Structure formats: C-alpha cells, structure tokens
Amino acid sequence: MEVDGQQHREVERRAAEQQGLAAVTDALAATRITEGPPFEDICPIAYDGMEVTYGVPEGSVSNCDLLVDASDPLVEILDDLAAEARRGAETWPLR
C-alpha cells in the first residue's frame, strides 16, 4: 500500500510541477515588463529598500530602471514564488 501511496504522491508532484511550469511559461508570454516607463525616483536601495531585478528573454529589468507594474503576470508569479521560498513552504507546485 505504501508503494502505491508514494507513486500517487509522485504523480501528483509531477503534475503540479508541470502546471507551475506552464504558469511561468504563460506569464513570460504575456509579460509587458520591458515596456514600463522609466523609473525616475530614488532607487529603494538608497534608503535600505531592495532593488529587484526580473530576468526576461530580452535580458533583465530592474525596479530602479523601469517602473515595474505589480500586476504584470510575470511579476505576480515571480513575486509569489519568492514569497513562497521565503516562507519555506513545501506546497508550491514547482517544488
């Protein structure tokens, strides 16, 4: 019985990984992060904040260079992944 249970969990884990990968792929296809207007304020690292750099196929985008839209699909999913990693959650589909 345990072997069957382990196999079932492995199948579920793989399905979740595929679903998570598809979500990231879809977000990459839909992102408009490189089209944001220039960031014209003081970069958060100047006052103990964080600079966040998002990797995209065209290169990378920093929140100190462009105004990053928090509702962009790629930003949302990457921010969710980062939050899950910080919490140490073991339930995220990409694990």
C-alpha atoms as a PDB file:
ATOM      1  CA  MET A   1       0.000   0.000   0.000  1.00  0.00           C
ATOM      2  CA  GLU A   2       2.802   2.446   0.832  1.00  0.00           C
ATOM      3  CA  VAL A   3       4.402   1.966  -2.568  1.00  0.00           C
ATOM      4  CA  ASP A   4       1.108   2.850  -4.261  1.00  0.00           C
ATOM      5  CA  GLY A   5       0.747   5.889  -1.997  1.00  0.00           C
ATOM      6  CA  GLN A   6       4.277   7.013  -2.829  1.00  0.00           C
ATOM      7  CA  GLN A   7       3.656   6.536  -6.530  1.00  0.00           C
ATOM      8  CA  HIS A   8       0.430   8.539  -6.279  1.00  0.00           C
ATOM      9  CA  ARG A   9       2.232  11.403  -4.487  1.00  0.00           C
ATOM     10  CA  GLU A  10       4.968  11.374  -7.131  1.00  0.00           C
ATOM     11  CA  VAL A  11       2.393  11.586  -9.921  1.00  0.00           C
ATOM     12  CA  GLU A  12       0.686  14.491  -8.123  1.00  0.00           C
ATOM     13  CA  ARG A  13       4.035  16.250  -7.604  1.00  0.00           C
ATOM     14  CA  ARG A  14       4.960  15.895 -11.272  1.00  0.00           C
ATOM     15  CA  ALA A  15       1.544  17.169 -12.376  1.00  0.00           C
ATOM     16  CA  ALA A  16       1.920  20.173 -10.057  1.00  0.00           C
ATOM     17  CA  GLU A  17       5.398  20.870 -11.447  1.00  0.00           C
ATOM     18  CA  GLN A  18       4.052  20.779 -14.995  1.00  0.00           C
ATOM     19  CA  GLN A  19       1.192  23.085 -14.031  1.00  0.00           C
ATOM     20  CA  GLY A  20       3.612  25.504 -12.348  1.00  0.00           C
ATOM     21  CA  LEU A  21       5.945  25.457 -15.333  1.00  0.00           C
ATOM     22  CA  ALA A  22       3.027  26.138 -17.670  1.00  0.00           C
ATOM     23  CA  ALA A  23       2.012  29.107 -15.493  1.00  0.00           C
ATOM     24  CA  VAL A  24       5.524  30.586 -15.687  1.00  0.00           C
ATOM     25  CA  THR A  25       5.649  29.983 -19.451  1.00  0.00           C
ATOM     26  CA  ASP A  26       2.273  31.691 -19.902  1.00  0.00           C
ATOM     27  CA  ALA A  27       3.408  34.620 -17.739  1.00  0.00           C
ATOM     28  CA  LEU A  28       6.569  35.010 -19.826  1.00  0.00           C
ATOM     29  CA  ALA A  29       4.480  35.082 -22.995  1.00  0.00           C
ATOM     30  CA  ALA A  30       2.113  37.707 -21.552  1.00  0.00           C
ATOM     31  CA  THR A  31       4.610  39.967 -19.781  1.00  0.00           C
ATOM     32  CA  ARG A  32       4.958  43.605 -20.747  1.00  0.00           C
ATOM     33  CA  ILE A  33       7.558  44.316 -18.073  1.00  0.00           C
ATOM     34  CA  THR A  34      10.078  45.723 -20.554  1.00  0.00           C
ATOM     35  CA  GLU A  35       7.538  48.293 -21.766  1.00  0.00           C
ATOM     36  CA  GLY A  36       7.255  50.170 -18.473  1.00  0.00           C
ATOM     37  CA  PRO A  37       8.097  53.855 -18.239  1.00  0.00           C
ATOM     38  CA  PRO A  38      11.479  54.862 -16.797  1.00  0.00           C
ATOM     39  CA  PHE A  39      11.742  54.870 -13.019  1.00  0.00           C
ATOM     40  CA  GLU A  40      12.501  58.471 -12.114  1.00  0.00           C
ATOM     41  CA  ASP A  41      12.532  58.373  -8.317  1.00  0.00           C
ATOM     42  CA  ILE A  42      15.272  57.390  -5.866  1.00  0.00           C
ATOM     43  CA  CYS A  43      16.129  53.691  -6.118  1.00  0.00           C
ATOM     44  CA  PRO A  44      14.947  51.864  -2.977  1.00  0.00           C
ATOM     45  CA  ILE A  45      18.488  50.645  -2.228  1.00  0.00           C
ATOM     46  CA  ALA A  46      19.405  54.269  -1.405  1.00  0.00           C
ATOM     47  CA  TYR A  47      17.233  54.071   1.721  1.00  0.00           C
ATOM     48  CA  ASP A  48      17.516  50.431   2.860  1.00  0.00           C
ATOM     49  CA  GLY A  49      14.998  49.106   0.363  1.00  0.00           C
ATOM     50  CA  MET A  50      15.587  46.429  -2.224  1.00  0.00           C
ATOM     51  CA  GLU A  51      16.392  46.584  -5.883  1.00  0.00           C
ATOM     52  CA  VAL A  52      14.528  43.795  -7.658  1.00  0.00           C
ATOM     53  CA  THR A  53      15.756  42.511 -10.992  1.00  0.00           C
ATOM     54  CA  TYR A  54      13.484  40.355 -13.141  1.00  0.00           C
ATOM     55  CA  GLY A  55      15.039  38.116 -15.786  1.00  0.00           C
ATOM     56  CA  VAL A  56      13.240  38.047 -19.116  1.00  0.00           C
ATOM     57  CA  PRO A  57      14.201  36.624 -22.504  1.00  0.00           C
ATOM     58  CA  GLU A  58      15.291  40.097 -23.641  1.00  0.00           C
ATOM     59  CA  GLY A  59      17.681  40.451 -20.679  1.00  0.00           C
ATOM     60  CA  SER A  60      16.707  41.853 -17.303  1.00  0.00           C
ATOM     61  CA  VAL A  61      14.603  44.640 -15.832  1.00  0.00           C
ATOM     62  CA  SER A  62      15.354  46.394 -12.554  1.00  0.00           C
ATOM     63  CA  ASN A  63      12.815  48.285 -10.499  1.00  0.00           C
ATOM     64  CA  CYS A  64      15.446  51.038 -10.340  1.00  0.00           C
ATOM     65  CA  ASP A  65      15.462  51.392 -14.142  1.00  0.00           C
ATOM     66  CA  LEU A  66      11.818  50.914 -15.139  1.00  0.00           C
ATOM     67  CA  LEU A  67       8.581  51.408 -13.266  1.00  0.00           C
ATOM     68  CA  VAL A  68       7.553  47.797 -12.692  1.00  0.00           C
ATOM     69  CA  ASP A  69       3.816  47.108 -12.801  1.00  0.00           C
ATOM     70  CA  ALA A  70       2.993  44.811  -9.869  1.00  0.00           C
ATOM     71  CA  SER A  71       0.007  43.429 -11.813  1.00  0.00           C
ATOM     72  CA  ASP A  72       2.162  42.202 -14.717  1.00  0.00           C
ATOM     73  CA  PRO A  73       1.661  38.406 -14.998  1.00  0.00           C
ATOM     74  CA  LEU A  74       5.384  37.661 -14.765  1.00  0.00           C
ATOM     75  CA  VAL A  75       5.889  39.979 -11.794  1.00  0.00           C
ATOM     76  CA  GLU A  76       2.941  38.398  -9.992  1.00  0.00           C
ATOM     77  CA  ILE A  77       4.137  34.828 -10.429  1.00  0.00           C
ATOM     78  CA  LEU A  78       7.785  35.607  -9.625  1.00  0.00           C
ATOM     79  CA  ASP A  79       6.786  37.595  -6.553  1.00  0.00           C
ATOM     80  CA  ASP A  80       4.568  34.687  -5.459  1.00  0.00           C
ATOM     81  CA  LEU A  81       7.461  32.253  -5.932  1.00  0.00           C
ATOM     82  CA  ALA A  82       9.789  34.487  -3.925  1.00  0.00           C
ATOM     83  CA  ALA A  83       7.246  34.810  -1.112  1.00  0.00           C
ATOM     84  CA  GLU A  84       6.759  31.029  -1.013  1.00  0.00           C
ATOM     85  CA  ALA A  85      10.520  30.498  -0.909  1.00  0.00           C
ATOM     86  CA  ARG A  86      10.850  32.961   1.975  1.00  0.00           C
ATOM     87  CA  ARG A  87       8.188  31.124   3.928  1.00  0.00           C
ATOM     88  CA  GLY A  88       9.848  27.810   3.177  1.00  0.00           C
ATOM     89  CA  ALA A  89       6.545  26.363   2.032  1.00  0.00           C
ATOM     90  CA  GLU A  90       6.657  22.843   0.704  1.00  0.00           C
ATOM     91  CA  THR A  91       3.353  23.032  -1.114  1.00  0.00           C
ATOM     92  CA  TRP A  92       4.325  25.231  -4.069  1.00  0.00           C
ATOM     93  CA  PRO A  93       3.772  23.322  -7.334  1.00  0.00           C
ATOM     94  CA  LEU A  94       7.289  23.921  -8.625  1.00  0.00           C
ATOM     95  CA  ARG A  95       8.951  22.061  -5.786  1.00  0.00           C
END
